[in-house]
Amino acid sequence: MKLRLGFQHAGIFPNLNYYKWLGAYHGSDTTISFGTYELLDNVANTTSFEVEVSQSMQDHILAFVKDPYHGPQKTMGWNPLVASDPNGGDFIRFGADGKVAQHVDGVEIDGPNTYRNGN
């Protein structure tokens, strides 16, 4: 049985974004996932919110590593994606809108109208 869990890193942190227009770019979740964000304190200081997001991402990943089939659901409320779900399944979005983690529908991330010319 294939199990798919969906997440999106959407955090924008000063030490990861030398240029403000970058936003949450591909690979910017690496330092958050590994907890190495303080290595970039020469760019800007790590924020307490950034630490909270990092710890939450690490907790979710650890739950998956410990028990891929049941751990995320039992300990973190992280449900598997259901491909037939008309709303795109359950994703966890990290670091957006001032929230450490929030559940969102997959269509918010990969829906047909997710991005329309920047509007």
C-alpha atoms as a PDB file:
ATOM      1  CA  MET A   1       0.000   0.000   0.000  1.00  0.00           C
ATOM      2  CA  LYS A   2       1.352   3.395  -0.977  1.00  0.00           C
ATOM      3  CA  LEU A   3       0.988   6.086   1.627  1.00  0.00           C
ATOM      4  CA  ARG A   4       1.302   9.706   0.626  1.00  0.00           C
ATOM      5  CA  LEU A   5       1.517  12.598   3.033  1.00  0.00           C
ATOM      6  CA  GLY A   6       1.425  16.150   1.775  1.00  0.00           C
ATOM      7  CA  PHE A   7       3.050  19.254   3.169  1.00  0.00           C
ATOM      8  CA  GLN A   8       4.057  22.714   2.053  1.00  0.00           C
ATOM      9  CA  HIS A   9       6.745  24.891   3.565  1.00  0.00           C
ATOM     10  CA  ALA A  10       5.461  28.455   3.225  1.00  0.00           C
ATOM     11  CA  GLY A  11       7.514  30.241   5.890  1.00  0.00           C
ATOM     12  CA  ILE A  12       9.335  33.426   4.999  1.00  0.00           C
ATOM     13  CA  PHE A  13      12.126  34.173   7.448  1.00  0.00           C
ATOM     14  CA  PRO A  14      14.654  37.036   7.353  1.00  0.00           C
ATOM     15  CA  ASN A  15      17.758  34.847   7.562  1.00  0.00           C
ATOM     16  CA  LEU A  16      16.536  32.603   4.729  1.00  0.00           C
ATOM     17  CA  ASN A  17      15.446  35.434   2.466  1.00  0.00           C
ATOM     18  CA  TYR A  18      18.277  37.809   1.638  1.00  0.00           C
ATOM     19  CA  TYR A  19      15.966  39.250  -1.014  1.00  0.00           C
ATOM     20  CA  LYS A  20      12.434  39.849   0.265  1.00  0.00           C
ATOM     21  CA  TRP A  21      10.903  39.001  -3.118  1.00  0.00           C
ATOM     22  CA  LEU A  22      12.140  35.385  -2.878  1.00  0.00           C
ATOM     23  CA  GLY A  23       9.358  34.218  -0.593  1.00  0.00           C
ATOM     24  CA  ALA A  24       9.413  30.531   0.354  1.00  0.00           C
ATOM     25  CA  TYR A  25      11.513  29.121  -2.476  1.00  0.00           C
ATOM     26  CA  HIS A  26      12.487  25.586  -3.468  1.00  0.00           C
ATOM     27  CA  GLY A  27      14.961  24.297  -0.905  1.00  0.00           C
ATOM     28  CA  SER A  28      14.267  26.954   1.723  1.00  0.00           C
ATOM     29  CA  ASP A  29      12.697  24.240   3.858  1.00  0.00           C
ATOM     30  CA  THR A  30      16.020  22.380   4.164  1.00  0.00           C
ATOM     31  CA  THR A  31      17.420  24.470   7.011  1.00  0.00           C
ATOM     32  CA  ILE A  32      14.026  24.387   8.729  1.00  0.00           C
ATOM     33  CA  SER A  33      13.748  20.596   8.404  1.00  0.00           C
ATOM     34  CA  PHE A  34      17.248  20.001   9.746  1.00  0.00           C
ATOM     35  CA  GLY A  35      17.167  22.780  12.347  1.00  0.00           C
ATOM     36  CA  THR A  36      20.273  24.473  10.947  1.00  0.00           C
ATOM     37  CA  TYR A  37      18.661  27.900  10.476  1.00  0.00           C
ATOM     38  CA  GLU A  38      21.094  29.546  12.944  1.00  0.00           C
ATOM     39  CA  LEU A  39      23.921  28.965  10.451  1.00  0.00           C
ATOM     40  CA  LEU A  40      22.417  31.864   8.514  1.00  0.00           C
ATOM     41  CA  ASP A  41      22.319  34.339  11.404  1.00  0.00           C
ATOM     42  CA  ASN A  42      25.002  36.341   9.573  1.00  0.00           C
ATOM     43  CA  VAL A  43      22.221  37.297   7.131  1.00  0.00           C
ATOM     44  CA  ALA A  44      19.613  38.083   9.816  1.00  0.00           C
ATOM     45  CA  ASN A  45      18.695  36.759  13.235  1.00  0.00           C
ATOM     46  CA  THR A  46      16.649  33.603  13.653  1.00  0.00           C
ATOM     47  CA  THR A  47      13.118  34.380  14.862  1.00  0.00           C
ATOM     48  CA  SER A  48      11.280  32.510  17.620  1.00  0.00           C
ATOM     49  CA  PHE A  49       8.498  31.730  15.110  1.00  0.00           C
ATOM     50  CA  GLU A  50      11.090  30.179  12.798  1.00  0.00           C
ATOM     51  CA  VAL A  51      12.259  27.919  15.638  1.00  0.00           C
ATOM     52  CA  GLU A  52       8.653  26.866  16.358  1.00  0.00           C
ATOM     53  CA  VAL A  53       8.039  26.052  12.681  1.00  0.00           C
ATOM     54  CA  SER A  54      11.276  24.079  12.531  1.00  0.00           C
ATOM     55  CA  GLN A  55      10.431  22.069  15.635  1.00  0.00           C
ATOM     56  CA  SER A  56       6.954  21.308  14.309  1.00  0.00           C
ATOM     57  CA  MET A  57       8.304  20.168  10.925  1.00  0.00           C
ATOM     58  CA  GLN A  58      10.858  17.968  12.673  1.00  0.00           C
ATOM     59  CA  ASP A  59       8.140  16.465  14.904  1.00  0.00           C
ATOM     60  CA  HIS A  60       6.006  15.638  11.856  1.00  0.00           C
ATOM     61  CA  ILE A  61       8.944  14.091   9.997  1.00  0.00           C
ATOM     62  CA  LEU A  62       9.965  12.073  13.068  1.00  0.00           C
ATOM     63  CA  ALA A  63       6.419  10.722  13.477  1.00  0.00           C
ATOM     64  CA  PHE A  64       6.597   9.529   9.878  1.00  0.00           C
ATOM     65  CA  VAL A  65      10.069   7.996  10.263  1.00  0.00           C
ATOM     66  CA  LYS A  66       9.103   6.123  13.443  1.00  0.00           C
ATOM     67  CA  ASP A  67       5.915   4.647  11.951  1.00  0.00           C
ATOM     68  CA  PRO A  68       5.145   5.628   8.353  1.00  0.00           C
ATOM     69  CA  TYR A  69       1.754   3.920   8.257  1.00  0.00           C
ATOM     70  CA  HIS A  70       0.258   5.028  11.562  1.00  0.00           C
ATOM     71  CA  GLY A  71       2.572   7.453  13.375  1.00  0.00           C
ATOM     72  CA  PRO A  72       1.663  10.678  11.581  1.00  0.00           C
ATOM     73  CA  GLN A  73      -2.064  10.079  12.003  1.00  0.00           C
ATOM     74  CA  LYS A  74      -1.884   8.986  15.637  1.00  0.00           C
ATOM     75  CA  THR A  75       0.596  11.506  16.992  1.00  0.00           C
ATOM     76  CA  MET A  76       0.300  14.497  14.678  1.00  0.00           C
ATOM     77  CA  GLY A  77      -3.132  14.314  13.037  1.00  0.00           C
ATOM     78  CA  TRP A  78      -1.365  14.176   9.662  1.00  0.00           C
ATOM     79  CA  ASN A  79      -3.677  12.193   7.420  1.00  0.00           C
ATOM     80  CA  PRO A  80      -2.656  10.447   4.193  1.00  0.00           C
ATOM     81  CA  LEU A  81      -3.593  12.055   0.905  1.00  0.00           C
ATOM     82  CA  VAL A  82      -6.566  10.519  -0.852  1.00  0.00           C
ATOM     83  CA  ALA A  83      -6.131  10.980  -4.597  1.00  0.00           C
ATOM     84  CA  SER A  84      -9.861  10.822  -5.277  1.00  0.00           C
ATOM     85  CA  ASP A  85     -10.670  13.606  -2.785  1.00  0.00           C
ATOM     86  CA  PRO A  86     -12.286  16.430  -4.804  1.00  0.00           C
ATOM     87  CA  ASN A  87     -10.564  18.987  -2.546  1.00  0.00           C
ATOM     88  CA  GLY A  88      -7.117  17.566  -3.234  1.00  0.00           C
ATOM     89  CA  GLY A  89      -6.597  15.807   0.082  1.00  0.00           C
ATOM     90  CA  ASP A  90      -5.241  16.958   3.419  1.00  0.00           C
ATOM     91  CA  PHE A  91      -1.977  18.934   3.376  1.00  0.00           C
ATOM     92  CA  ILE A  92      -0.098  20.556   6.225  1.00  0.00           C
ATOM     93  CA  ARG A  93       1.178  24.047   5.501  1.00  0.00           C
ATOM     94  CA  PHE A  94       4.058  25.180   7.701  1.00  0.00           C
ATOM     95  CA  GLY A  95       4.894  28.780   8.557  1.00  0.00           C
ATOM     96  CA  ALA A  96       2.167  30.670   6.682  1.00  0.00           C
ATOM     97  CA  ASP A  97      -0.161  33.375   7.953  1.00  0.00           C
ATOM     98  CA  GLY A  98       1.552  33.518  11.351  1.00  0.00           C
ATOM     99  CA  LYS A  99       0.625  29.882  12.053  1.00  0.00           C
ATOM    100  CA  VAL A 100       3.196  27.218  12.843  1.00  0.00           C
ATOM    101  CA  ALA A 101       1.169  24.535  11.048  1.00  0.00           C
ATOM    102  CA  GLN A 102      -2.297  24.370   9.560  1.00  0.00           C
ATOM    103  CA  HIS A 103      -4.308  21.823   7.607  1.00  0.00           C
ATOM    104  CA  VAL A 104      -5.314  22.977   4.128  1.00  0.00           C
ATOM    105  CA  ASP A 105      -6.982  21.349   1.149  1.00  0.00           C
ATOM    106  CA  GLY A 106      -4.667  20.267  -1.644  1.00  0.00           C
ATOM    107  CA  VAL A 107      -6.478  22.500  -4.127  1.00  0.00           C
ATOM    108  CA  GLU A 108      -5.140  25.505  -2.193  1.00  0.00           C
ATOM    109  CA  ILE A 109      -1.644  24.358  -3.085  1.00  0.00           C
ATOM    110  CA  ASP A 110      -2.027  22.659  -6.451  1.00  0.00           C
ATOM    111  CA  GLY A 111      -5.489  23.696  -7.625  1.00  0.00           C
ATOM    112  CA  PRO A 112      -6.267  24.993 -11.082  1.00  0.00           C
ATOM    113  CA  ASN A 113      -6.634  28.589  -9.859  1.00  0.00           C
ATOM    114  CA  THR A 114      -3.808  28.586  -7.318  1.00  0.00           C
ATOM    115  CA  TYR A 115      -1.909  31.305  -9.163  1.00  0.00           C
ATOM    116  CA  ARG A 116      -3.411  33.764 -11.604  1.00  0.00           C
ATOM    117  CA  ASN A 117      -0.920  36.333 -12.818  1.00  0.00           C
ATOM    118  CA  GLY A 118       0.056  37.233  -9.257  1.00  0.00           C
ATOM    119  CA  ASN A 119      -3.525  37.968  -8.137  1.00  0.00           C
END
